[in-house]
Amino acid sequence: MKTTQTNFWESDFGKDYTERNSHPIDKWNEIYIERYGKTKLALNEAFIGHLDKASKILEVGSNTGMQLRGFQQHGFHNLFGVEIQWYAIQRARDFVKQASFVQGSALDIPYKTGFFDMVCTHYVLIHISPDDLGTVMDEMYRCSNRYILGLEYDADKIQEIGYRGNTNVLWKANYCELFMERFPDLKLVKKEIVPYLTDDEKGNADCMYLLEKS
C-alpha cells in the first residue's frame, strides 16, 4: 500500500533521516540522557525487564535497528524488524547482528497472526496519517500474541506538527489511549510520561506504554 507518508520515507528524505539517526551505541545512550535525563536502556528495563529473554519481538518501522540493538543489550535474542525503506534495512544489517530485517509496510505487516510475543514502535506512529493509523494498529494487534510496546510523542488529542519544512508527515497524540479504545481487551501494564529536558523542547513529552492482551 502506497500513501503520501510511505512515499515520503522511501524518498531521499528518508535516506537522509537514516544517516542522521545512525549512531554508535554510546552516542545513542547520550541522546536519551540529554533528552530525558535517563538512558533508553533504563526505560526498557522498567517496562520489559521481566519478559522472557527468548520472547519473539518485532519492531515496526525499525530503521537502522537501534532499538533492537538496545534490546540485545538486555539479553533478548529473537529480534525482528520490518522497515519500508530499503536503504535503512541495509544499514541495519551492518549495525545489528543476529536480528532479522524485512522490507515491508506497517499497513500490511508480512508476518502471521500472533507470531510475536511483543510488537513495538519507537517514534513511528507519529509518522502515520490519522487516516491510516487504525490500519497500522490493527496490524500490530494482529501480529502480537501478548504485548504491545510504544514510545511516541504525547498529546491529549491528535495534533499535526510541521517537520523540517514538511506537512502531513508528523503528528502527536495519546497513542496508548487510542490502542485501548480500539481494542477493549488490552489492559495497561505500565505507562510513563517522559518530559523533555532540552531547552528547545521543554513543555513537550513522550509517552512510553506497555499493553497486554487479556
N, C-alpha and C. Protein backbone atom coordinates (compact mmCIF):
# COMPACT_ATOMS: atom_id res chain seq x y z
N MET A 1 0.85 -1.20 0.00
CA MET A 1 0.00 0.00 0.00
C MET A 1 0.88 1.24 0.00
N LYS A 2 0.63 2.14 -0.93
CA LYS A 2 1.39 3.37 -1.02
C LYS A 2 0.55 4.54 -0.53
N THR A 3 1.14 5.38 0.29
CA THR A 3 0.48 6.58 0.79
C THR A 3 1.44 7.75 0.65
N THR A 4 0.96 8.93 0.93
CA THR A 4 1.84 10.11 0.93
C THR A 4 3.02 9.90 1.86
N GLN A 5 2.75 9.29 3.01
CA GLN A 5 3.80 9.10 4.01
C GLN A 5 4.81 8.02 3.60
N THR A 6 4.33 6.90 3.03
CA THR A 6 5.28 5.87 2.61
C THR A 6 6.17 6.39 1.49
N ASN A 7 5.61 7.15 0.58
CA ASN A 7 6.42 7.74 -0.49
C ASN A 7 7.47 8.69 0.07
N PHE A 8 7.07 9.43 1.09
CA PHE A 8 7.98 10.39 1.73
C PHE A 8 9.19 9.67 2.33
N TRP A 9 8.93 8.57 3.05
CA TRP A 9 10.03 7.89 3.74
C TRP A 9 10.87 7.04 2.80
N GLU A 10 10.33 6.70 1.65
CA GLU A 10 11.13 5.97 0.68
C GLU A 10 11.94 6.91 -0.23
N SER A 11 11.78 8.21 -0.04
CA SER A 11 12.48 9.20 -0.85
C SER A 11 13.87 9.48 -0.26
N ASP A 12 14.60 10.41 -0.87
CA ASP A 12 15.91 10.81 -0.36
C ASP A 12 15.81 11.39 1.05
N PHE A 13 14.66 11.98 1.39
CA PHE A 13 14.49 12.50 2.74
C PHE A 13 14.63 11.36 3.75
N GLY A 14 14.01 10.21 3.44
CA GLY A 14 14.12 9.06 4.32
C GLY A 14 15.54 8.56 4.46
N LYS A 15 16.27 8.55 3.36
CA LYS A 15 17.67 8.14 3.40
C LYS A 15 18.49 9.09 4.27
N ASP A 16 18.25 10.39 4.12
CA ASP A 16 18.96 11.37 4.94
C ASP A 16 18.61 11.20 6.42
N TYR A 17 17.34 10.90 6.70
CA TYR A 17 16.92 10.64 8.08
C TYR A 17 17.70 9.46 8.66
N THR A 18 17.84 8.41 7.87
CA THR A 18 18.57 7.23 8.32
C THR A 18 20.00 7.58 8.67
N GLU A 19 20.65 8.38 7.83
CA GLU A 19 22.03 8.77 8.11
C GLU A 19 22.13 9.62 9.37
N ARG A 20 21.19 10.53 9.57
CA ARG A 20 21.21 11.39 10.77
C ARG A 20 21.03 10.58 12.05
N ASN A 21 20.35 9.46 11.94
CA ASN A 21 19.99 8.70 13.14
C ASN A 21 20.73 7.36 13.24
N SER A 22 21.88 7.28 12.61
CA SER A 22 22.73 6.10 12.72
C SER A 22 23.88 6.43 13.65
N HIS A 23 23.86 5.86 14.86
CA HIS A 23 24.82 6.24 15.89
C HIS A 23 25.49 5.02 16.51
N PRO A 24 26.72 5.18 16.98
CA PRO A 24 27.29 4.16 17.86
C PRO A 24 26.43 4.04 19.11
N ILE A 25 26.48 2.90 19.80
CA ILE A 25 25.60 2.66 20.93
C ILE A 25 25.81 3.68 22.04
N ASP A 26 27.04 4.13 22.26
CA ASP A 26 27.30 5.12 23.31
C ASP A 26 26.61 6.44 22.98
N LYS A 27 26.67 6.86 21.72
CA LYS A 27 26.02 8.10 21.30
C LYS A 27 24.51 7.96 21.43
N TRP A 28 23.96 6.79 21.10
CA TRP A 28 22.53 6.52 21.24
C TRP A 28 22.08 6.73 22.67
N ASN A 29 22.86 6.24 23.62
CA ASN A 29 22.52 6.43 25.03
C ASN A 29 22.61 7.90 25.43
N GLU A 30 23.62 8.59 24.92
CA GLU A 30 23.79 10.01 25.26
C GLU A 30 22.60 10.85 24.81
N ILE A 31 22.03 10.51 23.66
CA ILE A 31 20.88 11.25 23.15
C ILE A 31 19.72 11.18 24.13
N TYR A 32 19.45 10.00 24.67
CA TYR A 32 18.34 9.84 25.62
C TYR A 32 18.64 10.50 26.96
N ILE A 33 19.90 10.46 27.39
CA ILE A 33 20.26 11.14 28.64
C ILE A 33 20.03 12.64 28.50
N GLU A 34 20.43 13.20 27.37
CA GLU A 34 20.21 14.63 27.13
C GLU A 34 18.72 14.95 27.04
N ARG A 35 17.96 14.07 26.41
CA ARG A 35 16.53 14.31 26.19
C ARG A 35 15.71 14.11 27.46
N TYR A 36 15.97 13.01 28.18
CA TYR A 36 15.12 12.61 29.30
C TYR A 36 15.82 12.67 30.67
N GLY A 37 17.15 12.70 30.67
CA GLY A 37 17.87 12.55 31.93
C GLY A 37 18.06 11.10 32.32
N LYS A 38 17.76 10.17 31.42
CA LYS A 38 17.96 8.75 31.66
C LYS A 38 18.16 8.06 30.31
N THR A 39 18.76 6.88 30.35
CA THR A 39 19.00 6.15 29.11
C THR A 39 17.74 5.42 28.67
N LYS A 40 17.69 5.09 27.39
CA LYS A 40 16.60 4.25 26.88
C LYS A 40 16.70 2.86 27.48
N LEU A 41 17.91 2.43 27.77
CA LEU A 41 18.09 1.12 28.40
C LEU A 41 17.41 1.07 29.76
N ALA A 42 17.48 2.17 30.51
CA ALA A 42 16.82 2.21 31.81
C ALA A 42 15.30 2.14 31.65
N LEU A 43 14.77 2.85 30.65
CA LEU A 43 13.34 2.78 30.38
C LEU A 43 12.93 1.37 29.96
N ASN A 44 13.72 0.77 29.08
CA ASN A 44 13.41 -0.59 28.64
C ASN A 44 13.36 -1.55 29.82
N GLU A 45 14.33 -1.44 30.69
CA GLU A 45 14.39 -2.35 31.83
C GLU A 45 13.14 -2.23 32.69
N ALA A 46 12.66 -1.01 32.89
CA ALA A 46 11.47 -0.79 33.71
C ALA A 46 10.22 -1.38 33.07
N PHE A 47 10.18 -1.41 31.75
CA PHE A 47 8.98 -1.86 31.05
C PHE A 47 9.01 -3.33 30.66
N ILE A 48 10.16 -3.82 30.23
CA ILE A 48 10.18 -5.20 29.69
C ILE A 48 11.27 -6.06 30.32
N GLY A 49 11.88 -5.58 31.39
CA GLY A 49 12.93 -6.35 32.04
C GLY A 49 12.45 -7.70 32.56
N HIS A 50 11.14 -7.80 32.80
CA HIS A 50 10.58 -9.04 33.35
C HIS A 50 10.26 -10.08 32.28
N LEU A 51 10.34 -9.71 31.02
CA LEU A 51 9.95 -10.65 29.96
C LEU A 51 11.01 -11.73 29.75
N ASP A 52 10.55 -12.89 29.31
CA ASP A 52 11.43 -13.99 28.95
C ASP A 52 12.37 -13.53 27.83
N LYS A 53 13.68 -13.75 28.00
CA LYS A 53 14.66 -13.29 27.02
C LYS A 53 14.52 -14.01 25.68
N ALA A 54 13.77 -15.10 25.66
CA ALA A 54 13.53 -15.81 24.40
C ALA A 54 12.30 -15.28 23.66
N SER A 55 11.66 -14.26 24.20
CA SER A 55 10.47 -13.68 23.57
C SER A 55 10.78 -13.22 22.15
N LYS A 56 9.85 -13.49 21.24
CA LYS A 56 9.98 -13.00 19.87
C LYS A 56 9.43 -11.58 19.81
N ILE A 57 10.28 -10.64 19.40
CA ILE A 57 9.93 -9.22 19.40
C ILE A 57 10.04 -8.66 17.99
N LEU A 58 9.02 -7.96 17.56
CA LEU A 58 9.02 -7.26 16.27
C LEU A 58 8.96 -5.77 16.51
N GLU A 59 9.89 -5.04 15.89
CA GLU A 59 9.79 -3.58 15.86
C GLU A 59 9.26 -3.16 14.49
N VAL A 60 8.17 -2.43 14.49
CA VAL A 60 7.56 -1.92 13.26
C VAL A 60 8.16 -0.55 12.96
N GLY A 61 8.75 -0.40 11.79
CA GLY A 61 9.46 0.83 11.47
C GLY A 61 10.82 0.85 12.14
N SER A 62 11.59 -0.20 11.94
CA SER A 62 12.82 -0.41 12.72
C SER A 62 14.00 0.45 12.26
N ASN A 63 13.92 1.04 11.08
CA ASN A 63 15.00 1.85 10.53
C ASN A 63 16.33 1.11 10.64
N THR A 64 17.34 1.68 11.28
CA THR A 64 18.64 1.01 11.33
C THR A 64 18.76 0.04 12.50
N GLY A 65 17.68 -0.18 13.24
CA GLY A 65 17.69 -1.20 14.28
C GLY A 65 18.30 -0.78 15.60
N MET A 66 18.39 0.53 15.85
CA MET A 66 19.00 0.98 17.10
C MET A 66 18.25 0.44 18.31
N GLN A 67 16.91 0.44 18.25
CA GLN A 67 16.14 -0.04 19.39
C GLN A 67 16.33 -1.54 19.59
N LEU A 68 16.41 -2.28 18.50
CA LEU A 68 16.64 -3.72 18.61
C LEU A 68 18.02 -4.01 19.19
N ARG A 69 18.98 -3.19 18.85
CA ARG A 69 20.31 -3.36 19.44
C ARG A 69 20.25 -3.10 20.94
N GLY A 70 19.41 -2.15 21.34
CA GLY A 70 19.20 -1.92 22.77
C GLY A 70 18.59 -3.14 23.44
N PHE A 71 17.61 -3.77 22.78
CA PHE A 71 17.00 -4.98 23.33
C PHE A 71 18.05 -6.09 23.48
N GLN A 72 18.98 -6.17 22.54
CA GLN A 72 20.04 -7.17 22.64
C GLN A 72 20.86 -6.98 23.91
N GLN A 73 21.06 -5.74 24.29
CA GLN A 73 21.84 -5.48 25.50
C GLN A 73 21.11 -5.96 26.75
N HIS A 74 19.79 -6.13 26.64
CA HIS A 74 19.03 -6.68 27.76
C HIS A 74 18.99 -8.21 27.72
N GLY A 75 19.55 -8.80 26.68
CA GLY A 75 19.59 -10.25 26.58
C GLY A 75 18.56 -10.85 25.66
N PHE A 76 17.71 -10.04 25.02
CA PHE A 76 16.74 -10.56 24.06
C PHE A 76 17.47 -10.94 22.77
N HIS A 77 17.05 -12.06 22.17
CA HIS A 77 17.79 -12.53 21.00
C HIS A 77 16.89 -12.97 19.84
N ASN A 78 15.59 -13.05 20.03
CA ASN A 78 14.69 -13.36 18.91
C ASN A 78 14.08 -12.06 18.41
N LEU A 79 14.85 -11.32 17.64
CA LEU A 79 14.50 -9.95 17.29
C LEU A 79 14.28 -9.81 15.78
N PHE A 80 13.23 -9.05 15.45
CA PHE A 80 12.82 -8.86 14.07
C PHE A 80 12.49 -7.39 13.84
N GLY A 81 12.76 -6.91 12.63
CA GLY A 81 12.38 -5.56 12.25
C GLY A 81 11.71 -5.56 10.89
N VAL A 82 10.66 -4.74 10.76
CA VAL A 82 10.05 -4.52 9.46
C VAL A 82 10.17 -3.03 9.16
N GLU A 83 10.66 -2.71 7.98
CA GLU A 83 11.01 -1.34 7.63
C GLU A 83 10.71 -1.11 6.16
N ILE A 84 10.10 0.03 5.85
CA ILE A 84 9.68 0.30 4.47
C ILE A 84 10.84 0.75 3.58
N GLN A 85 11.89 1.29 4.18
CA GLN A 85 12.98 1.90 3.42
C GLN A 85 14.13 0.90 3.24
N TRP A 86 14.41 0.53 2.01
CA TRP A 86 15.42 -0.49 1.75
C TRP A 86 16.80 -0.05 2.21
N TYR A 87 17.12 1.21 2.05
CA TYR A 87 18.44 1.70 2.47
C TYR A 87 18.62 1.49 3.97
N ALA A 88 17.59 1.76 4.76
CA ALA A 88 17.68 1.58 6.20
C ALA A 88 17.91 0.12 6.57
N ILE A 89 17.28 -0.79 5.84
CA ILE A 89 17.48 -2.22 6.11
C ILE A 89 18.93 -2.61 5.85
N GLN A 90 19.51 -2.12 4.78
CA GLN A 90 20.91 -2.42 4.50
C GLN A 90 21.81 -1.92 5.62
N ARG A 91 21.53 -0.71 6.11
CA ARG A 91 22.32 -0.15 7.22
C ARG A 91 22.09 -0.93 8.51
N ALA A 92 20.86 -1.38 8.72
CA ALA A 92 20.54 -2.13 9.93
C ALA A 92 21.32 -3.44 9.99
N ARG A 93 21.49 -4.07 8.86
CA ARG A 93 22.23 -5.34 8.84
C ARG A 93 23.70 -5.15 9.17
N ASP A 94 24.21 -3.93 9.00
CA ASP A 94 25.57 -3.61 9.43
C ASP A 94 25.61 -3.32 10.93
N PHE A 95 24.59 -2.65 11.43
CA PHE A 95 24.56 -2.22 12.83
C PHE A 95 24.19 -3.35 13.79
N VAL A 96 23.24 -4.19 13.39
CA VAL A 96 22.66 -5.16 14.32
C VAL A 96 22.85 -6.57 13.77
N LYS A 97 23.67 -7.32 14.43
CA LYS A 97 23.90 -8.70 14.03
C LYS A 97 22.88 -9.59 14.76
N GLN A 98 22.56 -10.72 14.15
CA GLN A 98 21.68 -11.72 14.74
C GLN A 98 20.27 -11.17 15.00
N ALA A 99 19.81 -10.36 14.06
CA ALA A 99 18.41 -9.92 14.03
C ALA A 99 17.95 -10.04 12.59
N SER A 100 16.64 -10.22 12.42
CA SER A 100 16.08 -10.42 11.08
C SER A 100 15.33 -9.17 10.64
N PHE A 101 15.68 -8.65 9.47
CA PHE A 101 15.03 -7.45 8.94
C PHE A 101 14.39 -7.78 7.59
N VAL A 102 13.16 -7.30 7.40
CA VAL A 102 12.48 -7.46 6.11
C VAL A 102 11.91 -6.11 5.69
N GLN A 103 11.85 -5.91 4.38
CA GLN A 103 11.22 -4.70 3.86
C GLN A 103 9.71 -4.93 3.81
N GLY A 104 8.97 -4.01 4.37
CA GLY A 104 7.52 -4.13 4.38
C GLY A 104 6.88 -2.91 5.00
N SER A 105 5.58 -2.84 4.90
CA SER A 105 4.82 -1.69 5.37
C SER A 105 4.09 -2.01 6.67
N ALA A 106 4.01 -1.01 7.54
CA ALA A 106 3.22 -1.14 8.77
C ALA A 106 1.74 -1.33 8.46
N LEU A 107 1.34 -0.97 7.26
CA LEU A 107 -0.06 -1.12 6.85
C LEU A 107 -0.41 -2.56 6.48
N ASP A 108 0.62 -3.38 6.29
CA ASP A 108 0.41 -4.79 5.88
C ASP A 108 1.63 -5.58 6.33
N ILE A 109 1.74 -5.83 7.62
CA ILE A 109 2.93 -6.46 8.18
C ILE A 109 3.06 -7.89 7.66
N PRO A 110 4.21 -8.23 7.10
CA PRO A 110 4.36 -9.54 6.43
C PRO A 110 4.69 -10.69 7.38
N TYR A 111 3.90 -10.84 8.43
CA TYR A 111 4.06 -11.96 9.36
C TYR A 111 2.69 -12.51 9.74
N LYS A 112 2.70 -13.77 10.20
CA LYS A 112 1.46 -14.45 10.55
C LYS A 112 0.84 -13.88 11.81
N THR A 113 -0.46 -14.06 11.95
CA THR A 113 -1.20 -13.63 13.14
C THR A 113 -0.62 -14.30 14.38
N GLY A 114 -0.37 -13.49 15.41
CA GLY A 114 0.10 -13.99 16.68
C GLY A 114 1.51 -14.54 16.67
N PHE A 115 2.31 -14.18 15.70
CA PHE A 115 3.65 -14.75 15.56
C PHE A 115 4.61 -14.25 16.63
N PHE A 116 4.36 -13.04 17.16
CA PHE A 116 5.30 -12.41 18.09
C PHE A 116 4.74 -12.34 19.50
N ASP A 117 5.65 -12.39 20.48
CA ASP A 117 5.25 -12.17 21.87
C ASP A 117 5.04 -10.69 22.14
N MET A 118 5.77 -9.85 21.44
CA MET A 118 5.61 -8.40 21.60
C MET A 118 5.86 -7.71 20.26
N VAL A 119 5.01 -6.74 19.95
CA VAL A 119 5.19 -5.88 18.78
C VAL A 119 5.34 -4.45 19.30
N CYS A 120 6.30 -3.71 18.76
CA CYS A 120 6.58 -2.39 19.32
C CYS A 120 6.84 -1.35 18.24
N THR A 121 6.70 -0.09 18.63
CA THR A 121 7.11 1.05 17.80
C THR A 121 7.87 2.04 18.65
N HIS A 122 8.79 2.73 18.02
CA HIS A 122 9.53 3.82 18.66
C HIS A 122 9.53 5.00 17.69
N TYR A 123 8.73 6.01 17.99
CA TYR A 123 8.62 7.20 17.13
C TYR A 123 8.24 6.82 15.70
N VAL A 124 7.26 5.95 15.57
CA VAL A 124 6.79 5.54 14.25
C VAL A 124 5.32 5.88 14.05
N LEU A 125 4.48 5.62 15.05
CA LEU A 125 3.07 6.00 14.92
C LEU A 125 2.91 7.49 14.68
N ILE A 126 3.85 8.28 15.17
CA ILE A 126 3.79 9.73 14.97
C ILE A 126 3.89 10.11 13.49
N HIS A 127 4.41 9.19 12.67
CA HIS A 127 4.56 9.47 11.24
C HIS A 127 3.46 8.80 10.40
N ILE A 128 2.46 8.23 11.07
CA ILE A 128 1.35 7.60 10.37
C ILE A 128 0.18 8.56 10.29
N SER A 129 -0.35 8.77 9.10
CA SER A 129 -1.52 9.65 8.94
C SER A 129 -2.67 9.16 9.82
N PRO A 130 -3.42 10.06 10.45
CA PRO A 130 -4.61 9.64 11.20
C PRO A 130 -5.56 8.79 10.36
N ASP A 131 -5.58 9.00 9.05
CA ASP A 131 -6.44 8.19 8.18
C ASP A 131 -6.01 6.73 8.14
N ASP A 132 -4.72 6.47 8.38
CA ASP A 132 -4.18 5.11 8.29
C ASP A 132 -3.82 4.51 9.64
N LEU A 133 -3.94 5.30 10.69
CA LEU A 133 -3.48 4.86 12.00
C LEU A 133 -4.21 3.60 12.47
N GLY A 134 -5.52 3.54 12.25
CA GLY A 134 -6.28 2.37 12.67
C GLY A 134 -5.79 1.10 12.00
N THR A 135 -5.44 1.19 10.72
CA THR A 135 -4.94 0.02 10.00
C THR A 135 -3.62 -0.47 10.59
N VAL A 136 -2.74 0.46 10.91
CA VAL A 136 -1.46 0.08 11.50
C VAL A 136 -1.66 -0.55 12.88
N MET A 137 -2.53 0.03 13.68
CA MET A 137 -2.82 -0.56 14.99
C MET A 137 -3.42 -1.94 14.85
N ASP A 138 -4.31 -2.13 13.88
CA ASP A 138 -4.89 -3.45 13.63
C ASP A 138 -3.81 -4.47 13.30
N GLU A 139 -2.85 -4.08 12.48
CA GLU A 139 -1.79 -4.99 12.08
C GLU A 139 -0.87 -5.33 13.26
N MET A 140 -0.55 -4.35 14.07
CA MET A 140 0.28 -4.61 15.25
C MET A 140 -0.44 -5.56 16.21
N TYR A 141 -1.71 -5.28 16.44
CA TYR A 141 -2.51 -6.13 17.33
C TYR A 141 -2.60 -7.55 16.78
N ARG A 142 -2.79 -7.68 15.48
CA ARG A 142 -2.91 -8.99 14.85
C ARG A 142 -1.65 -9.82 15.04
N CYS A 143 -0.50 -9.20 14.87
CA CYS A 143 0.76 -9.95 14.89
C CYS A 143 1.25 -10.29 16.30
N SER A 144 0.72 -9.61 17.30
CA SER A 144 1.16 -9.86 18.67
C SER A 144 0.25 -10.87 19.36
N ASN A 145 0.87 -11.83 20.03
CA ASN A 145 0.05 -12.76 20.81
C ASN A 145 -0.08 -12.33 22.26
N ARG A 146 0.66 -11.24 22.65
CA ARG A 146 0.54 -10.82 24.05
C ARG A 146 0.74 -9.32 24.27
N TYR A 147 1.90 -8.77 23.91
CA TYR A 147 2.23 -7.40 24.32
C TYR A 147 2.33 -6.44 23.13
N ILE A 148 2.02 -5.17 23.41
CA ILE A 148 2.29 -4.06 22.50
C ILE A 148 3.02 -3.00 23.31
N LEU A 149 4.18 -2.59 22.81
CA LEU A 149 5.02 -1.60 23.47
C LEU A 149 5.16 -0.39 22.56
N GLY A 150 5.11 0.81 23.13
CA GLY A 150 5.27 2.00 22.31
C GLY A 150 6.00 3.11 23.03
N LEU A 151 6.72 3.91 22.27
CA LEU A 151 7.29 5.18 22.74
C LEU A 151 7.02 6.19 21.64
N GLU A 152 6.13 7.15 21.93
CA GLU A 152 5.68 8.10 20.91
C GLU A 152 5.49 9.48 21.52
N TYR A 153 5.44 10.52 20.67
CA TYR A 153 5.12 11.86 21.14
C TYR A 153 3.76 11.84 21.81
N ASP A 154 3.62 12.60 22.88
CA ASP A 154 2.38 12.57 23.65
C ASP A 154 1.58 13.87 23.50
N ALA A 155 0.26 13.71 23.41
CA ALA A 155 -0.67 14.85 23.39
C ALA A 155 -2.04 14.33 23.78
N ASP A 156 -2.89 15.20 24.28
CA ASP A 156 -4.24 14.78 24.68
C ASP A 156 -5.07 14.34 23.49
N LYS A 157 -4.87 14.99 22.35
CA LYS A 157 -5.59 14.63 21.13
C LYS A 157 -4.64 14.73 19.95
N ILE A 158 -5.04 14.18 18.82
CA ILE A 158 -4.18 14.18 17.64
C ILE A 158 -3.92 15.61 17.16
N GLN A 159 -2.64 15.94 17.02
CA GLN A 159 -2.23 17.26 16.55
C GLN A 159 -1.15 17.09 15.49
N GLU A 160 -1.31 17.79 14.36
CA GLU A 160 -0.27 17.75 13.35
C GLU A 160 0.85 18.72 13.72
N ILE A 161 2.09 18.32 13.41
CA ILE A 161 3.28 19.14 13.67
C ILE A 161 4.04 19.28 12.37
N GLY A 162 4.55 20.47 12.10
CA GLY A 162 5.43 20.64 10.95
C GLY A 162 6.74 19.91 11.19
N TYR A 163 7.33 19.38 10.12
CA TYR A 163 8.55 18.58 10.27
C TYR A 163 9.56 18.95 9.20
N ARG A 164 10.57 19.73 9.60
CA ARG A 164 11.64 20.13 8.68
C ARG A 164 11.10 20.72 7.38
N GLY A 165 10.11 21.58 7.53
CA GLY A 165 9.52 22.25 6.38
C GLY A 165 8.47 21.45 5.64
N ASN A 166 8.14 20.26 6.15
CA ASN A 166 7.15 19.40 5.50
C ASN A 166 5.88 19.31 6.32
N THR A 167 4.77 19.10 5.64
CA THR A 167 3.49 18.90 6.32
C THR A 167 2.95 17.52 5.99
N ASN A 168 1.97 17.09 6.79
CA ASN A 168 1.28 15.82 6.57
C ASN A 168 2.20 14.61 6.75
N VAL A 169 3.21 14.77 7.63
CA VAL A 169 4.13 13.64 7.90
C VAL A 169 4.43 13.45 9.39
N LEU A 170 3.85 14.27 10.27
CA LEU A 170 4.18 14.14 11.69
C LEU A 170 3.00 14.60 12.54
N TRP A 171 2.66 13.76 13.55
CA TRP A 171 1.56 14.05 14.46
C TRP A 171 1.95 13.61 15.87
N LYS A 172 1.28 14.15 16.86
CA LYS A 172 1.38 13.61 18.22
C LYS A 172 -0.03 13.37 18.74
N ALA A 173 -0.15 12.42 19.66
CA ALA A 173 -1.47 12.00 20.14
C ALA A 173 -1.30 11.15 21.40
N ASN A 174 -2.41 10.75 21.98
CA ASN A 174 -2.40 9.80 23.09
C ASN A 174 -2.54 8.40 22.49
N TYR A 175 -1.43 7.86 22.00
CA TYR A 175 -1.47 6.60 21.28
C TYR A 175 -1.84 5.42 22.18
N CYS A 176 -1.44 5.49 23.41
CA CYS A 176 -1.82 4.43 24.36
C CYS A 176 -3.34 4.35 24.50
N GLU A 177 -3.97 5.49 24.68
CA GLU A 177 -5.43 5.52 24.82
C GLU A 177 -6.11 5.08 23.53
N LEU A 178 -5.58 5.48 22.39
CA LEU A 178 -6.17 5.10 21.11
C LEU A 178 -6.14 3.58 20.92
N PHE A 179 -5.05 2.96 21.33
CA PHE A 179 -4.98 1.49 21.27
C PHE A 179 -6.06 0.86 22.14
N MET A 180 -6.20 1.35 23.36
CA MET A 180 -7.14 0.75 24.30
C MET A 180 -8.59 1.00 23.90
N GLU A 181 -8.84 2.12 23.27
CA GLU A 181 -10.19 2.39 22.76
C GLU A 181 -10.52 1.45 21.60
N ARG A 182 -9.53 1.18 20.77
CA ARG A 182 -9.77 0.35 19.59
C ARG A 182 -9.88 -1.14 19.96
N PHE A 183 -9.15 -1.54 20.99
CA PHE A 183 -9.13 -2.94 21.41
C PHE A 183 -9.42 -3.02 22.91
N PRO A 184 -10.68 -3.15 23.28
CA PRO A 184 -11.07 -3.12 24.69
C PRO A 184 -10.45 -4.24 25.53
N ASP A 185 -9.94 -5.30 24.90
CA ASP A 185 -9.33 -6.37 25.68
C ASP A 185 -7.90 -6.05 26.11
N LEU A 186 -7.32 -4.96 25.60
CA LEU A 186 -5.98 -4.58 26.01
C LEU A 186 -6.02 -3.95 27.40
N LYS A 187 -5.12 -4.40 28.25
CA LYS A 187 -5.02 -3.79 29.57
C LYS A 187 -3.67 -3.09 29.70
N LEU A 188 -3.65 -2.02 30.47
CA LEU A 188 -2.43 -1.25 30.65
C LEU A 188 -1.56 -1.91 31.71
N VAL A 189 -0.35 -2.28 31.32
CA VAL A 189 0.62 -2.86 32.25
C VAL A 189 1.44 -1.76 32.90
N LYS A 190 1.92 -0.82 32.07
CA LYS A 190 2.75 0.27 32.59
C LYS A 190 2.71 1.43 31.60
N LYS A 191 2.75 2.63 32.14
CA LYS A 191 2.76 3.84 31.32
C LYS A 191 3.59 4.89 32.03
N GLU A 192 4.38 5.63 31.25
CA GLU A 192 5.18 6.71 31.83
C GLU A 192 5.24 7.88 30.86
N ILE A 193 4.88 9.05 31.35
CA ILE A 193 5.06 10.28 30.58
C ILE A 193 6.46 10.79 30.87
N VAL A 194 7.25 10.97 29.81
CA VAL A 194 8.65 11.34 29.96
C VAL A 194 8.85 12.74 29.37
N PRO A 195 8.98 13.76 30.22
CA PRO A 195 9.14 15.12 29.70
C PRO A 195 10.53 15.36 29.13
N TYR A 196 10.59 16.25 28.14
CA TYR A 196 11.86 16.64 27.55
C TYR A 196 12.56 17.64 28.45
N LEU A 197 13.88 17.52 28.54
CA LEU A 197 14.69 18.42 29.37
C LEU A 197 15.42 19.47 28.56
N THR A 198 15.59 19.22 27.25
CA THR A 198 16.34 20.16 26.42
C THR A 198 15.57 21.47 26.28
N ASP A 199 16.32 22.57 26.23
CA ASP A 199 15.70 23.90 26.23
C ASP A 199 14.73 24.09 25.07
N ASP A 200 15.08 23.58 23.89
CA ASP A 200 14.24 23.82 22.71
C ASP A 200 13.01 22.92 22.69
N GLU A 201 12.93 21.94 23.62
CA GLU A 201 11.78 21.02 23.63
C GLU A 201 11.01 21.04 24.95
N LYS A 202 11.39 21.91 25.85
CA LYS A 202 10.70 21.95 27.15
C LYS A 202 9.23 22.25 26.95
N GLY A 203 8.39 21.54 27.71
CA GLY A 203 6.95 21.64 27.54
C GLY A 203 6.38 20.48 26.74
N ASN A 204 7.26 19.78 25.99
CA ASN A 204 6.84 18.58 25.26
C ASN A 204 7.19 17.33 26.06
N ALA A 205 6.55 16.24 25.72
CA ALA A 205 6.81 14.99 26.43
C ALA A 205 6.50 13.81 25.51
N ASP A 206 7.12 12.69 25.82
CA ASP A 206 6.82 11.43 25.16
C ASP A 206 6.07 10.53 26.12
N CYS A 207 5.41 9.54 25.57
CA CYS A 207 4.71 8.54 26.39
C CYS A 207 5.24 7.16 26.02
N MET A 208 5.70 6.43 27.03
CA MET A 208 6.07 5.03 26.84
C MET A 208 5.00 4.18 27.52
N TYR A 209 4.54 3.14 26.85
CA TYR A 209 3.46 2.33 27.37
C TYR A 209 3.64 0.87 26.99
N LEU A 210 3.16 -0.01 27.88
CA LEU A 210 3.14 -1.43 27.62
C LEU A 210 1.73 -1.92 27.84
N LEU A 211 1.14 -2.53 26.80
CA LEU A 211 -0.21 -3.05 26.83
C LEU A 211 -0.16 -4.56 26.69
N GLU A 212 -1.13 -5.23 27.32
CA GLU A 212 -1.17 -6.69 27.27
C GLU A 212 -2.58 -7.16 26.90
N LYS A 213 -2.63 -8.14 26.02
CA LYS A 213 -3.91 -8.74 25.66
C LYS A 213 -4.46 -9.55 26.84
N SER A 214 -5.74 -9.41 27.10
CA SER A 214 -6.37 -10.16 28.20
C SER A 214 -6.39 -11.64 27.87
